[in-house]
PDB file of all heavy atoms in Angstrom:
ATOM      1  N   ASN A   1       7.506   9.205  -3.697  1.00  0.00           N
ATOM      2  CA  ASN A   1       8.665   8.341  -3.634  1.00  0.00           C
ATOM      3  C   ASN A   1       9.693   8.849  -2.611  1.00  0.00           C
ATOM      4  O   ASN A   1      10.350   8.072  -1.931  1.00  0.00           O
ATOM      5  CB  ASN A   1       9.317   8.229  -5.022  1.00  0.00           C
ATOM      6  CG  ASN A   1       8.528   7.354  -5.967  1.00  0.00           C
ATOM      7  OD1 ASN A   1       7.873   6.412  -5.546  1.00  0.00           O
ATOM      8  ND2 ASN A   1       8.606   7.655  -7.240  1.00  0.00           N
ATOM      9  N   ALA A   2       9.791  10.183  -2.497  1.00  0.00           N
ATOM     10  CA  ALA A   2      10.713  10.770  -1.509  1.00  0.00           C
ATOM     11  C   ALA A   2      10.271  10.393  -0.108  1.00  0.00           C
ATOM     12  O   ALA A   2      11.115  10.091   0.778  1.00  0.00           O
ATOM     13  CB  ALA A   2      10.741  12.276  -1.671  1.00  0.00           C
ATOM     14  N   LEU A   3       8.968  10.374   0.140  1.00  0.00           N
ATOM     15  CA  LEU A   3       8.447  10.024   1.430  1.00  0.00           C
ATOM     16  C   LEU A   3       8.685   8.534   1.752  1.00  0.00           C
ATOM     17  O   LEU A   3       9.066   8.184   2.874  1.00  0.00           O
ATOM     18  CB  LEU A   3       6.945  10.333   1.513  1.00  0.00           C
ATOM     19  CG  LEU A   3       6.262  10.269   2.860  1.00  0.00           C
ATOM     20  CD1 LEU A   3       6.922  11.176   3.894  1.00  0.00           C
ATOM     21  CD2 LEU A   3       4.770  10.602   2.734  1.00  0.00           C
ATOM     22  N   LYS A   4       8.492   7.718   0.748  1.00  0.00           N
ATOM     23  CA  LYS A   4       8.788   6.274   0.914  1.00  0.00           C
ATOM     24  C   LYS A   4      10.237   6.082   1.332  1.00  0.00           C
ATOM     25  O   LYS A   4      10.545   5.265   2.232  1.00  0.00           O
ATOM     26  CB  LYS A   4       8.502   5.534  -0.375  1.00  0.00           C
ATOM     27  CG  LYS A   4       7.065   5.444  -0.785  1.00  0.00           C
ATOM     28  CD  LYS A   4       6.966   4.721  -2.135  1.00  0.00           C
ATOM     29  CE  LYS A   4       5.580   4.723  -2.711  1.00  0.00           C
ATOM     30  NZ  LYS A   4       5.514   4.099  -4.044  1.00  0.00           N
ATOM     31  N   SER A   5      11.145   6.774   0.644  1.00  0.00           N
ATOM     32  CA  SER A   5      12.568   6.600   0.914  1.00  0.00           C
ATOM     33  C   SER A   5      12.959   7.081   2.288  1.00  0.00           C
ATOM     34  O   SER A   5      13.870   6.531   2.909  1.00  0.00           O
ATOM     35  CB  SER A   5      13.381   7.385  -0.158  1.00  0.00           C
ATOM     36  OG  SER A   5      13.140   6.891  -1.434  1.00  0.00           O
ATOM     37  N   ALA A   6      12.257   8.090   2.790  1.00  0.00           N
ATOM     38  CA  ALA A   6      12.593   8.656   4.123  1.00  0.00           C
ATOM     39  C   ALA A   6      12.130   7.765   5.254  1.00  0.00           C
ATOM     40  O   ALA A   6      12.737   7.753   6.338  1.00  0.00           O
ATOM     41  CB  ALA A   6      11.982  10.051   4.238  1.00  0.00           C
ATOM     42  N   ALA A   7      11.052   6.996   5.030  1.00  0.00           N
ATOM     43  CA  ALA A   7      10.448   6.223   6.125  1.00  0.00           C
ATOM     44  C   ALA A   7      11.344   5.043   6.578  1.00  0.00           C
ATOM     45  O   ALA A   7      12.175   4.566   5.802  1.00  0.00           O
ATOM     46  CB  ALA A   7       9.092   5.680   5.652  1.00  0.00           C
ATOM     47  N   THR A   8      11.156   4.624   7.798  1.00  0.00           N
ATOM     48  CA  THR A   8      11.785   3.383   8.267  1.00  0.00           C
ATOM     49  C   THR A   8      11.171   2.213   7.489  1.00  0.00           C
ATOM     50  O   THR A   8      11.890   1.298   7.045  1.00  0.00           O
ATOM     51  CB  THR A   8      11.519   3.176   9.761  1.00  0.00           C
ATOM     52  OG1 THR A   8      11.905   4.330  10.492  1.00  0.00           O
ATOM     53  CG2 THR A   8      12.267   1.957  10.276  1.00  0.00           C
ATOM     54  N   SER A   9       9.887   2.253   7.299  1.00  0.00           N
ATOM     55  CA  SER A   9       9.173   1.278   6.453  1.00  0.00           C
ATOM     56  C   SER A   9       7.873   1.916   5.982  1.00  0.00           C
ATOM     57  O   SER A   9       7.408   2.865   6.564  1.00  0.00           O
ATOM     58  CB  SER A   9       8.884  -0.024   7.212  1.00  0.00           C
ATOM     59  OG  SER A   9       8.027   0.222   8.308  1.00  0.00           O
ATOM     60  N   TYR A  10       7.329   1.398   4.896  1.00  0.00           N
ATOM     61  CA  TYR A  10       6.106   1.968   4.364  1.00  0.00           C
ATOM     62  C   TYR A  10       5.213   0.873   3.823  1.00  0.00           C
ATOM     63  O   TYR A  10       5.667  -0.227   3.473  1.00  0.00           O
ATOM     64  CB  TYR A  10       6.386   3.026   3.295  1.00  0.00           C
ATOM     65  CG  TYR A  10       6.954   2.477   1.976  1.00  0.00           C
ATOM     66  CD1 TYR A  10       6.093   2.013   0.968  1.00  0.00           C
ATOM     67  CD2 TYR A  10       8.321   2.412   1.771  1.00  0.00           C
ATOM     68  CE1 TYR A  10       6.598   1.514  -0.226  1.00  0.00           C
ATOM     69  CE2 TYR A  10       8.839   1.912   0.579  1.00  0.00           C
ATOM     70  CZ  TYR A  10       7.973   1.456  -0.405  1.00  0.00           C
ATOM     71  OH  TYR A  10       8.479   0.964  -1.574  1.00  0.00           O
ATOM     72  N   VAL A  11       3.914   1.190   3.734  1.00  0.00           N
ATOM     73  CA  VAL A  11       2.921   0.238   3.222  1.00  0.00           C
ATOM     74  C   VAL A  11       2.027   0.979   2.237  1.00  0.00           C
ATOM     75  O   VAL A  11       1.481   2.035   2.567  1.00  0.00           O
ATOM     76  CB  VAL A  11       2.048  -0.344   4.335  1.00  0.00           C
ATOM     77  CG1 VAL A  11       1.014  -1.303   3.762  1.00  0.00           C
ATOM     78  CG2 VAL A  11       2.906  -1.016   5.400  1.00  0.00           C
ATOM     79  N   GLU A  12       1.887   0.441   1.022  1.00  0.00           N
ATOM     80  CA  GLU A  12       0.976   1.029   0.053  1.00  0.00           C
ATOM     81  C   GLU A  12      -0.414   0.426   0.257  1.00  0.00           C
ATOM     82  O   GLU A  12      -0.552  -0.789   0.369  1.00  0.00           O
ATOM     83  CB  GLU A  12       1.477   0.762  -1.380  1.00  0.00           C
ATOM     84  CG  GLU A  12       2.717   1.569  -1.726  1.00  0.00           C
ATOM     85  CD  GLU A  12       3.095   1.452  -3.198  1.00  0.00           C
ATOM     86  OE1 GLU A  12       3.090   0.313  -3.703  1.00  0.00           O
ATOM     87  OE2 GLU A  12       3.395   2.476  -3.802  1.00  0.00           O
ATOM     88  N   MET A  13      -1.397   1.308   0.271  1.00  0.00           N
ATOM     89  CA  MET A  13      -2.782   0.886   0.469  1.00  0.00           C
ATOM     90  C   MET A  13      -3.608   1.265  -0.735  1.00  0.00           C
ATOM     91  O   MET A  13      -3.349   2.264  -1.397  1.00  0.00           O
ATOM     92  CB  MET A  13      -3.338   1.556   1.730  1.00  0.00           C
ATOM     93  CG  MET A  13      -2.602   1.204   3.020  1.00  0.00           C
ATOM     94  SD  MET A  13      -3.012  -0.443   3.611  1.00  0.00           S
ATOM     95  CE  MET A  13      -4.612  -0.114   4.348  1.00  0.00           C
ATOM     96  N   PRO A  14      -4.712   0.510  -1.033  1.00  0.00           N
ATOM     97  CA  PRO A  14      -5.087  -0.708  -0.327  1.00  0.00           C
ATOM     98  C   PRO A  14      -4.164  -1.848  -0.725  1.00  0.00           C
ATOM     99  O   PRO A  14      -3.550  -1.834  -1.797  1.00  0.00           O
ATOM    100  CB  PRO A  14      -6.503  -0.954  -0.844  1.00  0.00           C
ATOM    101  CG  PRO A  14      -6.500  -0.390  -2.216  1.00  0.00           C
ATOM    102  CD  PRO A  14      -5.617   0.805  -2.141  1.00  0.00           C
ATOM    103  N   ARG A  15      -4.051  -2.826   0.159  1.00  0.00           N
ATOM    104  CA  ARG A  15      -3.305  -4.008  -0.186  1.00  0.00           C
ATOM    105  C   ARG A  15      -4.032  -4.717  -1.352  1.00  0.00           C
ATOM    106  O   ARG A  15      -5.239  -4.543  -1.519  1.00  0.00           O
ATOM    107  CB  ARG A  15      -3.212  -4.957   1.010  1.00  0.00           C
ATOM    108  CG  ARG A  15      -2.506  -4.332   2.215  1.00  0.00           C
ATOM    109  CD  ARG A  15      -2.435  -5.341   3.324  1.00  0.00           C
ATOM    110  NE  ARG A  15      -2.002  -4.773   4.573  1.00  0.00           N
ATOM    111  CZ  ARG A  15      -0.734  -4.531   4.923  1.00  0.00           C
ATOM    112  NH1 ARG A  15       0.236  -4.815   4.048  1.00  0.00           N
ATOM    113  NH2 ARG A  15      -0.408  -4.006   6.093  1.00  0.00           N
ATOM    114  N   GLN A  16      -3.292  -5.476  -2.138  1.00  0.00           N
ATOM    115  CA  GLN A  16      -3.887  -6.113  -3.307  1.00  0.00           C
ATOM    116  C   GLN A  16      -5.079  -6.985  -2.940  1.00  0.00           C
ATOM    117  O   GLN A  16      -6.104  -7.028  -3.630  1.00  0.00           O
ATOM    118  CB  GLN A  16      -2.847  -6.958  -4.050  1.00  0.00           C
ATOM    119  CG  GLN A  16      -1.819  -6.125  -4.785  1.00  0.00           C
ATOM    120  CD  GLN A  16      -0.870  -6.961  -5.633  1.00  0.00           C
ATOM    121  OE1 GLN A  16      -0.792  -8.170  -5.469  1.00  0.00           O
ATOM    122  NE2 GLN A  16      -0.130  -6.300  -6.511  1.00  0.00           N
ATOM    123  N   GLU A  17      -4.988  -7.674  -1.809  1.00  0.00           N
ATOM    124  CA  GLU A  17      -6.101  -8.545  -1.361  1.00  0.00           C
ATOM    125  C   GLU A  17      -7.320  -7.713  -1.036  1.00  0.00           C
ATOM    126  O   GLU A  17      -8.460  -8.105  -1.345  1.00  0.00           O
ATOM    127  CB  GLU A  17      -5.679  -9.356  -0.157  1.00  0.00           C
ATOM    128  CG  GLU A  17      -6.739 -10.322   0.321  1.00  0.00           C
ATOM    129  CD  GLU A  17      -6.336 -11.119   1.542  1.00  0.00           C
ATOM    130  OE1 GLU A  17      -5.201 -10.953   2.031  1.00  0.00           O
ATOM    131  OE2 GLU A  17      -7.158 -11.917   2.019  1.00  0.00           O
ATOM    132  N   GLN A  18      -7.139  -6.531  -0.385  1.00  0.00           N
ATOM    133  CA  GLN A  18      -8.270  -5.679  -0.053  1.00  0.00           C
ATOM    134  C   GLN A  18      -8.956  -5.177  -1.312  1.00  0.00           C
ATOM    135  O   GLN A  18     -10.201  -5.149  -1.387  1.00  0.00           O
ATOM    136  CB  GLN A  18      -7.789  -4.505   0.794  1.00  0.00           C
ATOM    137  CG  GLN A  18      -7.296  -4.899   2.176  1.00  0.00           C
ATOM    138  CD  GLN A  18      -6.651  -3.746   2.884  1.00  0.00           C
ATOM    139  OE1 GLN A  18      -5.930  -2.948   2.309  1.00  0.00           O
ATOM    140  NE2 GLN A  18      -6.909  -3.634   4.188  1.00  0.00           N
ATOM    141  N   GLU A  19      -8.174  -4.765  -2.303  1.00  0.00           N
ATOM    142  CA  GLU A  19      -8.766  -4.270  -3.546  1.00  0.00           C
ATOM    143  C   GLU A  19      -9.480  -5.402  -4.279  1.00  0.00           C
ATOM    144  O   GLU A  19     -10.587  -5.194  -4.809  1.00  0.00           O
ATOM    145  CB  GLU A  19      -7.684  -3.668  -4.439  1.00  0.00           C
ATOM    146  CG  GLU A  19      -8.279  -2.985  -5.687  1.00  0.00           C
ATOM    147  CD  GLU A  19      -7.198  -2.251  -6.477  1.00  0.00           C
ATOM    148  OE1 GLU A  19      -6.007  -2.330  -6.139  1.00  0.00           O
ATOM    149  OE2 GLU A  19      -7.578  -1.608  -7.458  1.00  0.00           O
ATOM    150  N   ARG A  20      -8.906  -6.577  -4.309  1.00  0.00           N
ATOM    151  CA  ARG A  20      -9.522  -7.716  -4.958  1.00  0.00           C
ATOM    152  C   ARG A  20     -10.841  -8.073  -4.282  1.00  0.00           C
ATOM    153  O   ARG A  20     -11.879  -8.293  -4.951  1.00  0.00           O
ATOM    154  CB  ARG A  20      -8.590  -8.904  -4.953  1.00  0.00           C
ATOM    155  CG  ARG A  20      -9.158 -10.146  -5.685  1.00  0.00           C
ATOM    156  CD  ARG A  20      -8.118 -11.249  -5.794  1.00  0.00           C
ATOM    157  NE  ARG A  20      -7.682 -11.764  -4.502  1.00  0.00           N
ATOM    158  CZ  ARG A  20      -6.462 -11.559  -3.989  1.00  0.00           C
ATOM    159  NH1 ARG A  20      -5.559 -10.900  -4.703  1.00  0.00           N
ATOM    160  NH2 ARG A  20      -6.150 -12.033  -2.812  1.00  0.00           N
ATOM    161  N   ASN A  21     -10.864  -8.094  -2.955  1.00  0.00           N
ATOM    162  CA  ASN A  21     -12.094  -8.411  -2.211  1.00  0.00           C
ATOM    163  C   ASN A  21     -13.157  -7.349  -2.489  1.00  0.00           C
ATOM    164  O   ASN A  21     -14.352  -7.680  -2.552  1.00  0.00           O
ATOM    165  CB  ASN A  21     -11.793  -8.482  -0.715  1.00  0.00           C
ATOM    166  CG  ASN A  21     -10.997  -9.691  -0.351  1.00  0.00           C
ATOM    167  OD1 ASN A  21     -10.902 -10.657  -1.127  1.00  0.00           O
ATOM    168  ND2 ASN A  21     -10.378  -9.695   0.820  1.00  0.00           N
ATOM    169  N   HIS A  22     -12.756  -6.091  -2.624  1.00  0.00           N
ATOM    170  CA  HIS A  22     -13.706  -5.020  -2.901  1.00  0.00           C
ATOM    171  C   HIS A  22     -14.383  -5.268  -4.225  1.00  0.00           C
ATOM    172  O   HIS A  22     -15.637  -5.185  -4.322  1.00  0.00           O
ATOM    173  CB  HIS A  22     -12.952  -3.682  -2.940  1.00  0.00           C
ATOM    174  CG  HIS A  22     -13.778  -2.546  -3.448  1.00  0.00           C
ATOM    175  ND1 HIS A  22     -14.859  -2.045  -2.737  1.00  0.00           N
ATOM    176  CD2 HIS A  22     -13.688  -1.788  -4.579  1.00  0.00           C
ATOM    177  CE1 HIS A  22     -15.377  -1.038  -3.403  1.00  0.00           C
ATOM    178  NE2 HIS A  22     -14.698  -0.852  -4.538  1.00  0.00           N
ATOM    179  N   TYR A  23     -13.657  -5.592  -5.274  1.00  0.00           N
ATOM    180  CA  TYR A  23     -14.262  -5.826  -6.599  1.00  0.00           C
ATOM    181  C   TYR A  23     -15.067  -7.126  -6.596  1.00  0.00           C
ATOM    182  O   TYR A  23     -16.120  -7.199  -7.251  1.00  0.00           O
ATOM    183  CB  TYR A  23     -13.170  -5.830  -7.678  1.00  0.00           C
ATOM    184  CG  TYR A  23     -12.801  -4.418  -8.071  1.00  0.00           C
ATOM    185  CD1 TYR A  23     -11.724  -3.764  -7.488  1.00  0.00           C
ATOM    186  CD2 TYR A  23     -13.533  -3.747  -9.030  1.00  0.00           C
ATOM    187  CE1 TYR A  23     -11.392  -2.468  -7.808  1.00  0.00           C
ATOM    188  CE2 TYR A  23     -13.240  -2.423  -9.387  1.00  0.00           C
ATOM    189  CZ  TYR A  23     -12.153  -1.804  -8.760  1.00  0.00           C
ATOM    190  OH  TYR A  23     -11.837  -0.523  -9.117  1.00  0.00           O
ATOM    191  N   ASN A  24     -14.599  -8.135  -5.877  1.00  0.00           N
ATOM    192  CA  ASN A  24     -15.402  -9.374  -5.742  1.00  0.00           C
ATOM    193  C   ASN A  24     -16.789  -9.046  -5.148  1.00  0.00           C
ATOM    194  O   ASN A  24     -17.806  -9.538  -5.617  1.00  0.00           O
ATOM    195  CB  ASN A  24     -14.691 -10.384  -4.856  1.00  0.00           C
ATOM    196  CG  ASN A  24     -13.500 -11.030  -5.534  1.00  0.00           C
ATOM    197  OD1 ASN A  24     -13.300 -10.898  -6.742  1.00  0.00           O
ATOM    198  ND2 ASN A  24     -12.710 -11.737  -4.776  1.00  0.00           N
TER     199      ASN A  24
END
């Protein structure tokens, strides 16, 4: 969380669509 706060912007991976496609 500290790293997220320090960033200009952040992205959590995998994106929900990527994880959903993986299980599909």
